[in-house]
Amino acid sequence: MATSQVETVSTTADKAKLALAIALVAASLAGFYLLAKQGQIAQWGGLIVGLAAAVVVFMTSEPGKQFLAFGRDSWREVKKVVWPARKEAMQMTAYVFGFVVVMALFLWLTDKTLEWVFYDLILGWRK
């Protein structure tokens, strides 16, 4: 049995990039509120530019590269999925709804039957 080892390499540069990305996000949010008197264009522009800079810095770090690789692999797997035809999807959806209705009726009838047995027949609370 083979053992798989997970190696996490965090260099000082990667830690600095992640810290810079977090600082850029915080600065963007602070700038958003500080630029409130300058108008909405300056406010939103500062926020978007700051967040874009944070994303660029994050994507240059090793965790960012791993995130992009994960996204590419996920997209490749989604392309392999064979999606059902519309008719088949509608039929399966109808089966699910039908089953839910049948189960709801069954549970309602079971509840009312047990209520009648316990409260009316055994305890005699309802007359």
C-alpha atoms as a PDB file:
ATOM      1  CA  MET A   1       0.000   0.000   0.000  1.00  0.00           C
ATOM      2  CA  ALA A   2       1.510   3.265  -1.076  1.00  0.00           C
ATOM      3  CA  THR A   3       1.417   6.199   1.251  1.00  0.00           C
ATOM      4  CA  SER A   4       0.807   9.614  -0.153  1.00  0.00           C
ATOM      5  CA  GLN A   5       2.650  12.493   1.368  1.00  0.00           C
ATOM      6  CA  VAL A   6       1.407  16.016   1.094  1.00  0.00           C
ATOM      7  CA  GLU A   7       4.151  18.575   0.980  1.00  0.00           C
ATOM      8  CA  THR A   8       3.321  22.135   1.786  1.00  0.00           C
ATOM      9  CA  VAL A   9       6.011  24.538   0.751  1.00  0.00           C
ATOM     10  CA  SER A  10       5.543  28.011   2.118  1.00  0.00           C
ATOM     11  CA  THR A  11       8.364  30.282   1.313  1.00  0.00           C
ATOM     12  CA  THR A  12       8.830  33.661   2.873  1.00  0.00           C
ATOM     13  CA  ALA A  13       7.963  35.268  -0.455  1.00  0.00           C
ATOM     14  CA  ASP A  14       4.634  33.437  -0.598  1.00  0.00           C
ATOM     15  CA  LYS A  15       3.804  34.444   2.952  1.00  0.00           C
ATOM     16  CA  ALA A  16       4.669  38.043   2.104  1.00  0.00           C
ATOM     17  CA  LYS A  17       2.468  37.922  -1.010  1.00  0.00           C
ATOM     18  CA  LEU A  18      -0.460  36.553   0.997  1.00  0.00           C
ATOM     19  CA  ALA A  19       0.037  39.213   3.669  1.00  0.00           C
ATOM     20  CA  LEU A  20       0.187  41.893   0.967  1.00  0.00           C
ATOM     21  CA  ALA A  21      -3.011  40.558  -0.629  1.00  0.00           C
ATOM     22  CA  ILE A  22      -4.800  40.665   2.735  1.00  0.00           C
ATOM     23  CA  ALA A  23      -3.477  44.174   3.364  1.00  0.00           C
ATOM     24  CA  LEU A  24      -4.720  45.270  -0.080  1.00  0.00           C
ATOM     25  CA  VAL A  25      -8.190  43.912   0.656  1.00  0.00           C
ATOM     26  CA  ALA A  26      -8.257  45.717   3.998  1.00  0.00           C
ATOM     27  CA  ALA A  27      -6.983  48.929   2.386  1.00  0.00           C
ATOM     28  CA  SER A  28      -9.595  48.649  -0.355  1.00  0.00           C
ATOM     29  CA  LEU A  29     -12.395  48.310   2.168  1.00  0.00           C
ATOM     30  CA  ALA A  30     -11.044  51.190   4.244  1.00  0.00           C
ATOM     31  CA  GLY A  31     -10.659  53.312   1.113  1.00  0.00           C
ATOM     32  CA  PHE A  32     -14.227  52.544   0.123  1.00  0.00           C
ATOM     33  CA  TYR A  33     -15.503  54.130   3.315  1.00  0.00           C
ATOM     34  CA  LEU A  34     -12.952  56.947   3.378  1.00  0.00           C
ATOM     35  CA  LEU A  35     -13.795  57.985  -0.191  1.00  0.00           C
ATOM     36  CA  ALA A  36     -17.511  58.351   0.576  1.00  0.00           C
ATOM     37  CA  LYS A  37     -17.321  62.145   0.290  1.00  0.00           C
ATOM     38  CA  GLN A  38     -15.562  61.973  -3.098  1.00  0.00           C
ATOM     39  CA  GLY A  39     -18.531  60.361  -4.830  1.00  0.00           C
ATOM     40  CA  GLN A  40     -19.589  56.890  -5.780  1.00  0.00           C
ATOM     41  CA  ILE A  41     -17.321  56.634  -8.819  1.00  0.00           C
ATOM     42  CA  ALA A  42     -14.188  57.280  -6.745  1.00  0.00           C
ATOM     43  CA  GLN A  43     -15.513  55.069  -3.971  1.00  0.00           C
ATOM     44  CA  TRP A  44     -16.280  52.062  -6.150  1.00  0.00           C
ATOM     45  CA  GLY A  45     -13.278  52.654  -8.379  1.00  0.00           C
ATOM     46  CA  GLY A  46     -10.916  52.518  -5.410  1.00  0.00           C
ATOM     47  CA  LEU A  47     -12.568  49.375  -4.145  1.00  0.00           C
ATOM     48  CA  ILE A  48     -12.422  47.586  -7.488  1.00  0.00           C
ATOM     49  CA  VAL A  49      -8.826  48.626  -8.213  1.00  0.00           C
ATOM     50  CA  GLY A  50      -7.703  47.552  -4.740  1.00  0.00           C
ATOM     51  CA  LEU A  51      -9.472  44.210  -4.928  1.00  0.00           C
ATOM     52  CA  ALA A  52      -8.093  43.588  -8.432  1.00  0.00           C
ATOM     53  CA  ALA A  53      -4.594  44.310  -7.156  1.00  0.00           C
ATOM     54  CA  ALA A  54      -5.148  41.901  -4.264  1.00  0.00           C
ATOM     55  CA  VAL A  55      -6.278  39.177  -6.680  1.00  0.00           C
ATOM     56  CA  VAL A  56      -3.229  39.727  -8.909  1.00  0.00           C
ATOM     57  CA  VAL A  57      -0.871  39.514  -5.923  1.00  0.00           C
ATOM     58  CA  PHE A  58      -2.644  36.398  -4.633  1.00  0.00           C
ATOM     59  CA  MET A  59      -2.498  34.684  -8.020  1.00  0.00           C
ATOM     60  CA  THR A  60       1.276  35.153  -8.209  1.00  0.00           C
ATOM     61  CA  SER A  61       1.751  33.227  -4.951  1.00  0.00           C
ATOM     62  CA  GLU A  62       1.966  29.441  -4.784  1.00  0.00           C
ATOM     63  CA  PRO A  63      -1.504  29.023  -3.204  1.00  0.00           C
ATOM     64  CA  GLY A  64      -2.911  31.211  -5.987  1.00  0.00           C
ATOM     65  CA  LYS A  65      -1.269  29.055  -8.639  1.00  0.00           C
ATOM     66  CA  GLN A  66      -2.643  25.937  -6.955  1.00  0.00           C
ATOM     67  CA  PHE A  67      -6.091  27.545  -6.905  1.00  0.00           C
ATOM     68  CA  LEU A  68      -5.893  28.233 -10.642  1.00  0.00           C
ATOM     69  CA  ALA A  69      -4.739  24.663 -11.313  1.00  0.00           C
ATOM     70  CA  PHE A  70      -7.643  23.346  -9.244  1.00  0.00           C
ATOM     71  CA  GLY A  71     -10.048  25.523 -11.241  1.00  0.00           C
ATOM     72  CA  ARG A  72      -8.651  24.279 -14.550  1.00  0.00           C
ATOM     73  CA  ASP A  73      -8.894  20.646 -13.407  1.00  0.00           C
ATOM     74  CA  SER A  74     -12.438  21.171 -12.185  1.00  0.00           C
ATOM     75  CA  TRP A  75     -13.485  22.741 -15.475  1.00  0.00           C
ATOM     76  CA  ARG A  76     -11.917  19.835 -17.359  1.00  0.00           C
ATOM     77  CA  GLU A  77     -13.943  17.383 -15.244  1.00  0.00           C
ATOM     78  CA  VAL A  78     -17.172  19.331 -15.772  1.00  0.00           C
ATOM     79  CA  LYS A  79     -16.661  19.035 -19.525  1.00  0.00           C
ATOM     80  CA  LYS A  80     -16.592  15.241 -19.147  1.00  0.00           C
ATOM     81  CA  VAL A  81     -20.037  15.104 -17.529  1.00  0.00           C
ATOM     82  CA  VAL A  82     -22.803  13.712 -19.710  1.00  0.00           C
ATOM     83  CA  TRP A  83     -25.812  15.849 -18.922  1.00  0.00           C
ATOM     84  CA  PRO A  84     -29.301  14.345 -19.319  1.00  0.00           C
ATOM     85  CA  ALA A  85     -31.559  15.439 -22.143  1.00  0.00           C
ATOM     86  CA  ARG A  86     -34.386  17.828 -21.341  1.00  0.00           C
ATOM     87  CA  LYS A  87     -36.998  15.094 -21.577  1.00  0.00           C
ATOM     88  CA  GLU A  88     -35.113  12.823 -19.183  1.00  0.00           C
ATOM     89  CA  ALA A  89     -34.509  15.669 -16.717  1.00  0.00           C
ATOM     90  CA  MET A  90     -38.208  16.592 -16.754  1.00  0.00           C
ATOM     91  CA  GLN A  91     -39.234  12.958 -16.220  1.00  0.00           C
ATOM     92  CA  MET A  92     -36.857  12.524 -13.275  1.00  0.00           C
ATOM     93  CA  THR A  93     -38.054  15.799 -11.761  1.00  0.00           C
ATOM     94  CA  ALA A  94     -41.663  14.641 -12.104  1.00  0.00           C
ATOM     95  CA  TYR A  95     -40.775  11.323 -10.417  1.00  0.00           C
ATOM     96  CA  VAL A  96     -39.195  13.192  -7.501  1.00  0.00           C
ATOM     97  CA  PHE A  97     -42.188  15.500  -7.082  1.00  0.00           C
ATOM     98  CA  GLY A  98     -44.557  12.525  -7.310  1.00  0.00           C
ATOM     99  CA  PHE A  99     -42.605  10.657  -4.669  1.00  0.00           C
ATOM    100  CA  VAL A 100     -42.651  13.694  -2.386  1.00  0.00           C
ATOM    101  CA  VAL A 101     -46.436  14.000  -2.730  1.00  0.00           C
ATOM    102  CA  VAL A 102     -46.958  10.284  -2.059  1.00  0.00           C
ATOM    103  CA  MET A 103     -44.680  10.416   1.007  1.00  0.00           C
ATOM    104  CA  ALA A 104     -46.424  13.539   2.294  1.00  0.00           C
ATOM    105  CA  LEU A 105     -49.811  11.835   2.007  1.00  0.00           C
ATOM    106  CA  PHE A 106     -48.497   8.681   3.668  1.00  0.00           C
ATOM    107  CA  LEU A 107     -47.013  10.622   6.589  1.00  0.00           C
ATOM    108  CA  TRP A 108     -50.161  12.718   6.966  1.00  0.00           C
ATOM    109  CA  LEU A 109     -52.373   9.621   7.004  1.00  0.00           C
ATOM    110  CA  THR A 110     -50.034   7.895   9.465  1.00  0.00           C
ATOM    111  CA  ASP A 111     -50.070  10.945  11.746  1.00  0.00           C
ATOM    112  CA  LYS A 112     -53.860  11.259  11.669  1.00  0.00           C
ATOM    113  CA  THR A 113     -54.313   7.520  12.233  1.00  0.00           C
ATOM    114  CA  LEU A 114     -51.995   7.514  15.242  1.00  0.00           C
ATOM    115  CA  GLU A 115     -53.671  10.665  16.550  1.00  0.00           C
ATOM    116  CA  TRP A 116     -57.079   9.005  16.287  1.00  0.00           C
ATOM    117  CA  VAL A 117     -55.855   5.767  17.900  1.00  0.00           C
ATOM    118  CA  PHE A 118     -54.110   7.428  20.845  1.00  0.00           C
ATOM    119  CA  TYR A 119     -56.319  10.412  21.571  1.00  0.00           C
ATOM    120  CA  ASP A 120     -59.759   9.059  20.690  1.00  0.00           C
ATOM    121  CA  LEU A 121     -59.623   5.310  21.277  1.00  0.00           C
ATOM    122  CA  ILE A 122     -57.037   4.848  24.024  1.00  0.00           C
ATOM    123  CA  LEU A 123     -57.113   8.080  26.039  1.00  0.00           C
ATOM    124  CA  GLY A 124     -60.562   9.334  25.169  1.00  0.00           C
ATOM    125  CA  TRP A 125     -59.463  12.984  25.239  1.00  0.00           C
ATOM    126  CA  ARG A 126     -61.536  14.043  22.251  1.00  0.00           C
ATOM    127  CA  LYS A 127     -65.280  13.588  22.337  1.00  0.00           C
END
